[in-house]
Amino acid sequence: MDKVKQKLDKELNQIQFSSKQQVLNNSKNKWNTFFNKQIEIPLVPVTGVAIIFITLLSIYPITKESPSLIEQYPAEGQIVEKGGSIYWESWFNEVRQHES
């Protein structure tokens, strides 16, 4: 191992590196090297995930169970179904009285 190092030192003895201080400064600054990276974001998967996310957010209010008519419009009395239509019993009785 020592022979290899000596041989390498002998071969590199004539080469002068002029930016030694700059390299040392950059290597000491770990944050600089950490943030000095290129990031590649794949377009197709990211776009697919975004579309699915937006779709789920827009469908959620539609699929959410809405309150029934009785919960939305609480009133006294009952609901009567006549001829396929739904009426409040009090309103149905009033209309029937006027028609008679």
Protein backbone atom coordinates (compact mmCIF):
# COMPACT_ATOMS: atom_id res chain seq x y z
CA MET A 1 0.00 0.00 0.00
CA ASP A 2 2.84 2.36 0.81
CA LYS A 3 4.51 1.61 -2.51
CA VAL A 4 1.35 2.55 -4.40
CA LYS A 5 1.06 5.82 -2.51
CA GLN A 6 4.71 6.66 -3.10
CA LYS A 7 4.37 5.91 -6.79
CA LEU A 8 1.23 8.04 -7.02
CA ASP A 9 2.87 10.91 -5.15
CA LYS A 10 5.86 10.74 -7.46
CA GLU A 11 3.66 10.85 -10.59
CA LEU A 12 1.47 13.69 -9.28
CA ASN A 13 4.39 15.72 -7.93
CA GLN A 14 4.71 17.72 -11.12
CA ILE A 15 0.98 18.54 -11.38
CA GLN A 16 0.01 21.80 -9.73
CA PHE A 17 -3.60 22.33 -8.72
CA SER A 18 -4.34 26.03 -8.56
CA SER A 19 -7.89 25.95 -7.10
CA LYS A 20 -7.08 24.04 -3.94
CA GLN A 21 -8.44 26.68 -1.57
CA GLN A 22 -11.70 27.03 -3.52
CA VAL A 23 -12.29 23.28 -3.47
CA LEU A 24 -11.62 23.13 0.26
CA ASN A 25 -14.05 25.99 0.94
CA ASN A 26 -16.78 24.34 -1.11
CA SER A 27 -16.30 20.97 0.51
CA LYS A 28 -16.49 22.48 3.98
CA ASN A 29 -19.81 24.12 3.21
CA LYS A 30 -22.10 21.08 3.40
CA TRP A 31 -25.28 23.07 3.00
CA ASN A 32 -24.05 24.44 -0.29
CA THR A 33 -23.42 20.97 -1.65
CA PHE A 34 -26.71 19.68 -0.23
CA PHE A 35 -28.83 22.31 -2.01
CA ASN A 36 -26.75 22.25 -5.18
CA LYS A 37 -28.60 19.30 -6.68
CA GLN A 38 -30.75 18.87 -9.73
CA ILE A 39 -34.18 17.45 -9.11
CA GLU A 40 -36.07 15.59 -11.82
CA ILE A 41 -39.83 15.31 -11.38
CA PRO A 42 -41.54 12.81 -13.68
CA LEU A 43 -44.40 14.63 -15.40
CA VAL A 44 -46.81 11.76 -16.10
CA PRO A 45 -47.06 10.30 -12.56
CA VAL A 46 -47.26 13.71 -10.89
CA THR A 47 -49.97 14.85 -13.32
CA GLY A 48 -51.89 11.62 -12.79
CA VAL A 49 -51.81 11.97 -9.02
CA ALA A 50 -52.92 15.61 -9.27
CA ILE A 51 -55.86 14.72 -11.53
CA ILE A 52 -56.97 11.92 -9.22
CA PHE A 53 -56.68 14.21 -6.19
CA ILE A 54 -58.74 16.97 -7.85
CA THR A 55 -61.34 14.44 -9.01
CA LEU A 56 -61.71 12.99 -5.53
CA LEU A 57 -62.08 16.44 -4.02
CA SER A 58 -64.79 17.37 -6.51
CA ILE A 59 -66.71 14.07 -6.17
CA TYR A 60 -66.69 14.02 -2.36
CA PRO A 61 -69.46 16.64 -1.91
CA ILE A 62 -71.65 14.79 -4.44
CA THR A 63 -71.31 11.42 -2.74
CA LYS A 64 -71.66 12.86 0.72
CA GLU A 65 -75.02 11.81 2.10
CA SER A 66 -77.34 14.81 2.07
CA PRO A 67 -79.86 15.32 4.85
CA SER A 68 -83.42 14.21 4.16
CA LEU A 69 -86.30 16.60 3.53
CA ILE A 70 -87.58 16.13 7.05
CA GLU A 71 -84.20 17.14 8.50
CA GLN A 72 -83.95 20.16 6.17
CA TYR A 73 -87.49 21.41 6.70
CA PRO A 74 -88.73 20.23 10.07
CA ALA A 75 -92.44 20.82 10.51
CA GLU A 76 -95.22 19.47 12.61
CA GLY A 77 -97.41 16.86 11.01
CA GLN A 78 -96.78 14.01 8.69
CA ILE A 79 -95.88 13.61 5.08
CA VAL A 80 -98.57 12.19 2.80
CA GLU A 81 -97.90 10.54 -0.55
CA LYS A 82 -100.70 10.81 -3.11
CA GLY A 83 -100.46 10.07 -6.82
CA GLY A 84 -96.67 9.75 -6.74
CA SER A 85 -96.22 13.17 -5.11
CA ILE A 86 -95.32 14.00 -1.52
CA TYR A 87 -97.28 16.62 0.48
CA TRP A 88 -97.41 17.88 4.06
CA GLU A 89 -100.55 16.51 5.65
CA SER A 90 -101.77 19.96 6.74
CA TRP A 91 -101.32 21.42 3.24
CA PHE A 92 -102.95 18.37 1.63
CA ASN A 93 -105.99 18.71 3.92
CA GLU A 94 -106.34 22.43 3.11
CA VAL A 95 -106.23 21.78 -0.64
CA ARG A 96 -108.76 18.93 -0.31
CA GLN A 97 -111.14 21.21 1.63
CA HIS A 98 -110.96 23.91 -1.09
CA GLU A 99 -111.56 21.37 -3.85
CA SER A 100 -114.65 19.91 -2.14
